[in-house]
Amino acid sequence: MKEGNLRVWWIKNVPGKAKHFCVLNIKEAKIKIKQLADNDLKADSNVITNAGGLEIFENDKWVEWYDDEGNDICQIVFEY
């Protein structure tokens, strides 16, 4: 992995296993999270819960991404 790489993580039916999706930037991450949430709500009646986020590769490990105000990606996407 390269320093600064981004990936969206998504779990259907917590505490399931996370799936990861590489993204190029924050805009692409927002779109991917909205798509995943919409798919869970509209296309799959077996999904009861979900969770997701955005990770950045720093210091040889994946860590949760936060903006300059301390918001995670879901707070930005869903404005809560």
PDB file of N, CA and C in Angstrom:
ATOM      1  N   MET A   1       0.826  -1.184   0.000  1.00  0.00           N
ATOM      2  CA  MET A   1       0.000   0.000   0.000  1.00  0.00           C
ATOM      3  C   MET A   1       0.869   1.246   0.000  1.00  0.00           C
ATOM      4  N   LYS A   2       0.298   2.307  -0.507  1.00  0.00           N
ATOM      5  CA  LYS A   2       1.003   3.576  -0.577  1.00  0.00           C
ATOM      6  C   LYS A   2       0.430   4.543   0.462  1.00  0.00           C
ATOM      7  N   GLU A   3       1.277   5.273   1.138  1.00  0.00           N
ATOM      8  CA  GLU A   3       0.862   6.270   2.123  1.00  0.00           C
ATOM      9  C   GLU A   3      -0.199   7.184   1.509  1.00  0.00           C
ATOM     10  N   GLY A   4      -1.312   7.352   2.211  1.00  0.00           N
ATOM     11  CA  GLY A   4      -2.385   8.223   1.748  1.00  0.00           C
ATOM     12  C   GLY A   4      -3.478   7.532   0.950  1.00  0.00           C
ATOM     13  N   ASN A   5      -3.313   6.245   0.609  1.00  0.00           N
ATOM     14  CA  ASN A   5      -4.382   5.522  -0.084  1.00  0.00           C
ATOM     15  C   ASN A   5      -5.647   5.523   0.767  1.00  0.00           C
ATOM     16  N   LEU A   6      -6.793   5.486   0.105  1.00  0.00           N
ATOM     17  CA  LEU A   6      -8.086   5.497   0.779  1.00  0.00           C
ATOM     18  C   LEU A   6      -8.875   4.250   0.423  1.00  0.00           C
ATOM     19  N   ARG A   7      -9.682   3.779   1.396  1.00  0.00           N
ATOM     20  CA  ARG A   7     -10.610   2.689   1.110  1.00  0.00           C
ATOM     21  C   ARG A   7     -11.847   2.831   1.990  1.00  0.00           C
ATOM     22  N   VAL A   8     -12.980   2.527   1.388  1.00  0.00           N
ATOM     23  CA  VAL A   8     -14.244   2.473   2.115  1.00  0.00           C
ATOM     24  C   VAL A   8     -14.389   1.078   2.694  1.00  0.00           C
ATOM     25  N   TRP A   9     -14.848   0.999   3.939  1.00  0.00           N
ATOM     26  CA  TRP A   9     -15.185  -0.303   4.525  1.00  0.00           C
ATOM     27  C   TRP A   9     -16.687  -0.330   4.753  1.00  0.00           C
ATOM     28  N   TRP A  10     -17.296  -1.513   4.571  1.00  0.00           N
ATOM     29  CA  TRP A  10     -18.755  -1.637   4.682  1.00  0.00           C
ATOM     30  C   TRP A  10     -19.110  -2.998   5.246  1.00  0.00           C
ATOM     31  N   ILE A  11     -20.003  -3.009   6.221  1.00  0.00           N
ATOM     32  CA  ILE A  11     -20.468  -4.258   6.827  1.00  0.00           C
ATOM     33  C   ILE A  11     -21.981  -4.331   6.703  1.00  0.00           C
ATOM     34  N   LYS A  12     -22.469  -5.388   6.068  1.00  0.00           N
ATOM     35  CA  LYS A  12     -23.898  -5.694   6.066  1.00  0.00           C
ATOM     36  C   LYS A  12     -24.169  -6.585   7.261  1.00  0.00           C
ATOM     37  N   ASN A  13     -25.218  -6.264   7.983  1.00  0.00           N
ATOM     38  CA  ASN A  13     -25.620  -7.065   9.143  1.00  0.00           C
ATOM     39  C   ASN A  13     -24.484  -7.219  10.153  1.00  0.00           C
ATOM     40  N   VAL A  14     -24.198  -6.114  10.806  1.00  0.00           N
ATOM     41  CA  VAL A  14     -23.201  -6.091  11.876  1.00  0.00           C
ATOM     42  C   VAL A  14     -23.524  -7.193  12.870  1.00  0.00           C
ATOM     43  N   PRO A  15     -22.591  -8.000  13.301  1.00  0.00           N
ATOM     44  CA  PRO A  15     -21.141  -7.879  13.244  1.00  0.00           C
ATOM     45  C   PRO A  15     -20.505  -8.694  12.133  1.00  0.00           C
ATOM     46  N   GLY A  16     -21.035  -8.620  10.935  1.00  0.00           N
ATOM     47  CA  GLY A  16     -20.455  -9.366   9.813  1.00  0.00           C
ATOM     48  C   GLY A  16     -19.062  -8.892   9.464  1.00  0.00           C
ATOM     49  N   LYS A  17     -18.519  -9.507   8.441  1.00  0.00           N
ATOM     50  CA  LYS A  17     -17.170  -9.169   7.991  1.00  0.00           C
ATOM     51  C   LYS A  17     -17.210  -7.960   7.055  1.00  0.00           C
ATOM     52  N   ALA A  18     -16.259  -7.069   7.217  1.00  0.00           N
ATOM     53  CA  ALA A  18     -16.189  -5.866   6.377  1.00  0.00           C
ATOM     54  C   ALA A  18     -15.704  -6.201   4.974  1.00  0.00           C
ATOM     55  N   LYS A  19     -16.312  -5.533   4.002  1.00  0.00           N
ATOM     56  CA  LYS A  19     -15.804  -5.541   2.631  1.00  0.00           C
ATOM     57  C   LYS A  19     -15.108  -4.208   2.421  1.00  0.00           C
ATOM     58  N   HIS A  20     -14.092  -4.200   1.591  1.00  0.00           N
ATOM     59  CA  HIS A  20     -13.314  -2.993   1.350  1.00  0.00           C
ATOM     60  C   HIS A  20     -13.364  -2.621  -0.129  1.00  0.00           C
ATOM     61  N   PHE A  21     -13.436  -1.309  -0.380  1.00  0.00           N
ATOM     62  CA  PHE A  21     -13.510  -0.779  -1.734  1.00  0.00           C
ATOM     63  C   PHE A  21     -12.516   0.377  -1.851  1.00  0.00           C
ATOM     64  N   CYS A  22     -11.528   0.230  -2.699  1.00  0.00           N
ATOM     65  CA  CYS A  22     -10.553   1.298  -2.912  1.00  0.00           C
ATOM     66  C   CYS A  22     -11.223   2.483  -3.592  1.00  0.00           C
ATOM     67  N   VAL A  23     -10.904   3.685  -3.135  1.00  0.00           N
ATOM     68  CA  VAL A  23     -11.416   4.919  -3.736  1.00  0.00           C
ATOM     69  C   VAL A  23     -10.247   5.869  -3.948  1.00  0.00           C
ATOM     70  N   LEU A  24     -10.418   6.783  -4.889  1.00  0.00           N
ATOM     71  CA  LEU A  24      -9.329   7.692  -5.230  1.00  0.00           C
ATOM     72  C   LEU A  24      -9.301   8.959  -4.386  1.00  0.00           C
ATOM     73  N   ASN A  25     -10.495   9.360  -3.891  1.00  0.00           N
ATOM     74  CA  ASN A  25     -10.565  10.617  -3.153  1.00  0.00           C
ATOM     75  C   ASN A  25     -11.838  10.653  -2.292  1.00  0.00           C
ATOM     76  N   ILE A  26     -12.020  11.734  -1.545  1.00  0.00           N
ATOM     77  CA  ILE A  26     -13.153  11.871  -0.636  1.00  0.00           C
ATOM     78  C   ILE A  26     -14.476  11.901  -1.417  1.00  0.00           C
ATOM     79  N   LYS A  27     -14.502  12.585  -2.546  1.00  0.00           N
ATOM     80  CA  LYS A  27     -15.726  12.648  -3.357  1.00  0.00           C
ATOM     81  C   LYS A  27     -16.161  11.249  -3.782  1.00  0.00           C
ATOM     82  N   GLU A  28     -15.231  10.447  -4.248  1.00  0.00           N
ATOM     83  CA  GLU A  28     -15.545   9.078  -4.656  1.00  0.00           C
ATOM     84  C   GLU A  28     -15.997   8.239  -3.458  1.00  0.00           C
ATOM     85  N   ALA A  29     -15.405   8.475  -2.304  1.00  0.00           N
ATOM     86  CA  ALA A  29     -15.805   7.753  -1.087  1.00  0.00           C
ATOM     87  C   ALA A  29     -17.253   8.073  -0.717  1.00  0.00           C
ATOM     88  N   LYS A  30     -17.629   9.341  -0.809  1.00  0.00           N
ATOM     89  CA  LYS A  30     -19.017   9.741  -0.509  1.00  0.00           C
ATOM     90  C   LYS A  30     -19.993   9.030  -1.435  1.00  0.00           C
ATOM     91  N   ILE A  31     -19.675   9.000  -2.715  1.00  0.00           N
ATOM     92  CA  ILE A  31     -20.543   8.345  -3.701  1.00  0.00           C
ATOM     93  C   ILE A  31     -20.667   6.856  -3.395  1.00  0.00           C
ATOM     94  N   LYS A  32     -19.548   6.206  -3.094  1.00  0.00           N
ATOM     95  CA  LYS A  32     -19.555   4.767  -2.825  1.00  0.00           C
ATOM     96  C   LYS A  32     -20.379   4.448  -1.578  1.00  0.00           C
ATOM     97  N   ILE A  33     -20.235   5.220  -0.528  1.00  0.00           N
ATOM     98  CA  ILE A  33     -20.998   4.979   0.697  1.00  0.00           C
ATOM     99  C   ILE A  33     -22.491   5.173   0.459  1.00  0.00           C
ATOM    100  N   LYS A  34     -22.859   6.207  -0.291  1.00  0.00           N
ATOM    101  CA  LYS A  34     -24.279   6.402  -0.624  1.00  0.00           C
ATOM    102  C   LYS A  34     -24.812   5.219  -1.428  1.00  0.00           C
ATOM    103  N   GLN A  35     -24.039   4.741  -2.395  1.00  0.00           N
ATOM    104  CA  GLN A  35     -24.458   3.587  -3.199  1.00  0.00           C
ATOM    105  C   GLN A  35     -24.655   2.355  -2.330  1.00  0.00           C
ATOM    106  N   LEU A  36     -23.718   2.092  -1.448  1.00  0.00           N
ATOM    107  CA  LEU A  36     -23.814   0.917  -0.581  1.00  0.00           C
ATOM    108  C   LEU A  36     -25.028   1.014   0.342  1.00  0.00           C
ATOM    109  N   ALA A  37     -25.262   2.171   0.909  1.00  0.00           N
ATOM    110  CA  ALA A  37     -26.420   2.362   1.789  1.00  0.00           C
ATOM    111  C   ALA A  37     -27.721   2.194   1.009  1.00  0.00           C
ATOM    112  N   ASP A  38     -27.791   2.799  -0.169  1.00  0.00           N
ATOM    113  CA  ASP A  38     -28.996   2.663  -1.004  1.00  0.00           C
ATOM    114  C   ASP A  38     -29.245   1.210  -1.390  1.00  0.00           C
ATOM    115  N   ASN A  39     -28.206   0.502  -1.756  1.00  0.00           N
ATOM    116  CA  ASN A  39     -28.355  -0.913  -2.120  1.00  0.00           C
ATOM    117  C   ASN A  39     -28.899  -1.717  -0.947  1.00  0.00           C
ATOM    118  N   ASP A  40     -28.381  -1.461   0.245  1.00  0.00           N
ATOM    119  CA  ASP A  40     -28.857  -2.186   1.420  1.00  0.00           C
ATOM    120  C   ASP A  40     -30.331  -1.890   1.695  1.00  0.00           C
ATOM    121  N   LEU A  41     -30.719  -0.636   1.539  1.00  0.00           N
ATOM    122  CA  LEU A  41     -32.103  -0.247   1.836  1.00  0.00           C
ATOM    123  C   LEU A  41     -33.093  -0.708   0.777  1.00  0.00           C
ATOM    124  N   LYS A  42     -32.705  -0.644  -0.477  1.00  0.00           N
ATOM    125  CA  LYS A  42     -33.639  -0.895  -1.572  1.00  0.00           C
ATOM    126  C   LYS A  42     -33.592  -2.307  -2.130  1.00  0.00           C
ATOM    127  N   ALA A  43     -32.415  -2.871  -2.207  1.00  0.00           N
ATOM    128  CA  ALA A  43     -32.254  -4.100  -2.976  1.00  0.00           C
ATOM    129  C   ALA A  43     -32.174  -5.363  -2.143  1.00  0.00           C
ATOM    130  N   ASP A  44     -31.946  -5.239  -0.866  1.00  0.00           N
ATOM    131  CA  ASP A  44     -31.696  -6.440  -0.069  1.00  0.00           C
ATOM    132  C   ASP A  44     -32.507  -6.408   1.212  1.00  0.00           C
ATOM    133  N   SER A  45     -33.631  -7.106   1.228  1.00  0.00           N
ATOM    134  CA  SER A  45     -34.510  -7.108   2.401  1.00  0.00           C
ATOM    135  C   SER A  45     -33.929  -7.905   3.562  1.00  0.00           C
ATOM    136  N   ASN A  46     -32.846  -8.634   3.342  1.00  0.00           N
ATOM    137  CA  ASN A  46     -32.199  -9.394   4.408  1.00  0.00           C
ATOM    138  C   ASN A  46     -31.243  -8.552   5.241  1.00  0.00           C
ATOM    139  N   VAL A  47     -30.985  -7.324   4.811  1.00  0.00           N
ATOM    140  CA  VAL A  47     -30.080  -6.458   5.562  1.00  0.00           C
ATOM    141  C   VAL A  47     -30.867  -5.771   6.673  1.00  0.00           C
ATOM    142  N   ILE A  48     -30.453  -6.019   7.907  1.00  0.00           N
ATOM    143  CA  ILE A  48     -31.121  -5.425   9.067  1.00  0.00           C
ATOM    144  C   ILE A  48     -30.314  -4.251   9.606  1.00  0.00           C
ATOM    145  N   THR A  49     -28.997  -4.369   9.607  1.00  0.00           N
ATOM    146  CA  THR A  49     -28.118  -3.287  10.044  1.00  0.00           C
ATOM    147  C   THR A  49     -26.947  -3.174   9.083  1.00  0.00           C
ATOM    148  N   ASN A  50     -26.317  -2.015   9.096  1.00  0.00           N
ATOM    149  CA  ASN A  50     -25.083  -1.853   8.333  1.00  0.00           C
ATOM    150  C   ASN A  50     -24.213  -0.806   9.008  1.00  0.00           C
ATOM    151  N   ALA A  51     -22.970  -0.795   8.641  1.00  0.00           N
ATOM    152  CA  ALA A  51     -22.020   0.188   9.153  1.00  0.00           C
ATOM    153  C   ALA A  51     -20.929   0.370   8.109  1.00  0.00           C
ATOM    154  N   GLY A  52     -20.342   1.539   8.102  1.00  0.00           N
ATOM    155  CA  GLY A  52     -19.283   1.790   7.142  1.00  0.00           C
ATOM    156  C   GLY A  52     -18.427   2.958   7.543  1.00  0.00           C
ATOM    157  N   GLY A  53     -17.396   3.165   6.770  1.00  0.00           N
ATOM    158  CA  GLY A  53     -16.501   4.275   7.029  1.00  0.00           C
ATOM    159  C   GLY A  53     -15.438   4.363   5.969  1.00  0.00           C
ATOM    160  N   LEU A  54     -14.498   5.259   6.213  1.00  0.00           N
ATOM    161  CA  LEU A  54     -13.406   5.494   5.284  1.00  0.00           C
ATOM    162  C   LEU A  54     -12.100   5.368   6.057  1.00  0.00           C
ATOM    163  N   GLU A  55     -11.168   4.637   5.480  1.00  0.00           N
ATOM    164  CA  GLU A  55      -9.854   4.475   6.089  1.00  0.00           C
ATOM    165  C   GLU A  55      -8.785   5.060   5.179  1.00  0.00           C
ATOM    166  N   ILE A  56      -7.716   5.530   5.808  1.00  0.00           N
ATOM    167  CA  ILE A  56      -6.557   6.041   5.089  1.00  0.00           C
ATOM    168  C   ILE A  56      -5.336   5.238   5.537  1.00  0.00           C
ATOM    169  N   PHE A  57      -4.438   4.969   4.603  1.00  0.00           N
ATOM    170  CA  PHE A  57      -3.242   4.202   4.925  1.00  0.00           C
ATOM    171  C   PHE A  57      -2.159   5.152   5.414  1.00  0.00           C
ATOM    172  N   GLU A  58      -1.789   5.004   6.697  1.00  0.00           N
ATOM    173  CA  GLU A  58      -0.773   5.853   7.314  1.00  0.00           C
ATOM    174  C   GLU A  58       0.133   5.007   8.196  1.00  0.00           C
ATOM    175  N   ASN A  59       1.418   5.253   8.115  1.00  0.00           N
ATOM    176  CA  ASN A  59       2.391   4.557   8.968  1.00  0.00           C
ATOM    177  C   ASN A  59       2.238   3.038   8.896  1.00  0.00           C
ATOM    178  N   ASP A  60       2.076   2.524   7.672  1.00  0.00           N
ATOM    179  CA  ASP A  60       1.988   1.082   7.412  1.00  0.00           C
ATOM    180  C   ASP A  60       0.752   0.399   7.988  1.00  0.00           C
ATOM    181  N   LYS A  61      -0.331   1.155   8.223  1.00  0.00           N
ATOM    182  CA  LYS A  61      -1.580   0.534   8.686  1.00  0.00           C
ATOM    183  C   LYS A  61      -2.771   1.379   8.252  1.00  0.00           C
ATOM    184  N   TRP A  62      -3.937   0.726   8.208  1.00  0.00           N
ATOM    185  CA  TRP A  62      -5.184   1.418   7.892  1.00  0.00           C
ATOM    186  C   TRP A  62      -5.750   2.026   9.161  1.00  0.00           C
ATOM    187  N   VAL A  63      -6.088   3.322   9.101  1.00  0.00           N
ATOM    188  CA  VAL A  63      -6.702   4.020  10.232  1.00  0.00           C
ATOM    189  C   VAL A  63      -7.932   4.773   9.736  1.00  0.00           C
ATOM    190  N   GLU A  64      -8.869   5.019  10.638  1.00  0.00           N
ATOM    191  CA  GLU A  64     -10.098   5.730  10.274  1.00  0.00           C
ATOM    192  C   GLU A  64      -9.760   7.149   9.843  1.00  0.00           C
ATOM    193  N   TRP A  65     -10.419   7.614   8.794  1.00  0.00           N
ATOM    194  CA  TRP A  65     -10.224   8.961   8.268  1.00  0.00           C
ATOM    195  C   TRP A  65     -11.179   9.919   8.963  1.00  0.00           C
ATOM    196  N   TYR A  66     -10.690  11.111   9.290  1.00  0.00           N
ATOM    197  CA  TYR A  66     -11.491  12.202   9.841  1.00  0.00           C
ATOM    198  C   TYR A  66     -11.102  13.488   9.142  1.00  0.00           C
ATOM    199  N   ASP A  67     -12.091  14.385   8.957  1.00  0.00           N
ATOM    200  CA  ASP A  67     -11.777  15.679   8.352  1.00  0.00           C
ATOM    201  C   ASP A  67     -11.148  16.600   9.399  1.00  0.00           C
ATOM    202  N   ASP A  68     -10.873  17.831   9.019  1.00  0.00           N
ATOM    203  CA  ASP A  68     -10.190  18.774   9.907  1.00  0.00           C
ATOM    204  C   ASP A  68     -11.006  19.144  11.144  1.00  0.00           C
ATOM    205  N   GLU A  69     -12.327  18.933  11.085  1.00  0.00           N
ATOM    206  CA  GLU A  69     -13.182  19.220  12.241  1.00  0.00           C
ATOM    207  C   GLU A  69     -13.467  17.984  13.084  1.00  0.00           C
ATOM    208  N   GLY A  70     -12.882  16.853  12.731  1.00  0.00           N
ATOM    209  CA  GLY A  70     -13.064  15.630  13.502  1.00  0.00           C
ATOM    210  C   GLY A  70     -14.260  14.784  13.092  1.00  0.00           C
ATOM    211  N   ASN A  71     -14.867  15.093  11.943  1.00  0.00           N
ATOM    212  CA  ASN A  71     -16.009  14.325  11.436  1.00  0.00           C
ATOM    213  C   ASN A  71     -15.530  13.119  10.645  1.00  0.00           C
ATOM    214  N   ASP A  72     -16.196  11.976  10.843  1.00  0.00           N
ATOM    215  CA  ASP A  72     -15.895  10.837   9.982  1.00  0.00           C
ATOM    216  C   ASP A  72     -16.694  10.967   8.693  1.00  0.00           C
ATOM    217  N   ILE A  73     -16.456  10.104   7.737  1.00  0.00           N
ATOM    218  CA  ILE A  73     -17.081  10.228   6.414  1.00  0.00           C
ATOM    219  C   ILE A  73     -18.599  10.089   6.482  1.00  0.00           C
ATOM    220  N   CYS A  74     -19.118   9.239   7.364  1.00  0.00           N
ATOM    221  CA  CYS A  74     -20.568   9.058   7.447  1.00  0.00           C
ATOM    222  C   CYS A  74     -21.257  10.300   8.018  1.00  0.00           C
ATOM    223  N   GLN A  75     -20.592  11.000   8.923  1.00  0.00           N
ATOM    224  CA  GLN A  75     -21.158  12.251   9.425  1.00  0.00           C
ATOM    225  C   GLN A  75     -21.277  13.260   8.289  1.00  0.00           C
ATOM    226  N   ILE A  76     -20.341  13.227   7.372  1.00  0.00           N
ATOM    227  CA  ILE A  76     -20.369  14.153   6.230  1.00  0.00           C
ATOM    228  C   ILE A  76     -21.419  13.709   5.217  1.00  0.00           C
ATOM    229  N   VAL A  77     -21.447  12.434   4.885  1.00  0.00           N
ATOM    230  CA  VAL A  77     -22.374  11.922   3.870  1.00  0.00           C
ATOM    231  C   VAL A  77     -23.828  12.064   4.318  1.00  0.00           C
ATOM    232  N   PHE A  78     -24.094  11.680   5.570  1.00  0.00           N
ATOM    233  CA  PHE A  78     -25.473  11.655   6.047  1.00  0.00           C
ATOM    234  C   PHE A  78     -25.835  12.857   6.911  1.00  0.00           C
ATOM    235  N   GLU A  79     -24.892  13.779   7.101  1.00  0.00           N
ATOM    236  CA  GLU A  79     -25.110  15.056   7.791  1.00  0.00           C
ATOM    237  C   GLU A  79     -25.783  14.896   9.143  1.00  0.00           C
ATOM    238  N   TYR A  80     -25.218  14.057  10.008  1.00  0.00           N
ATOM    239  CA  TYR A  80     -25.738  13.957  11.372  1.00  0.00           C
ATOM    240  C   TYR A  80     -24.702  14.396  12.363  1.00  0.00           C
TER     241      TYR A  80
END
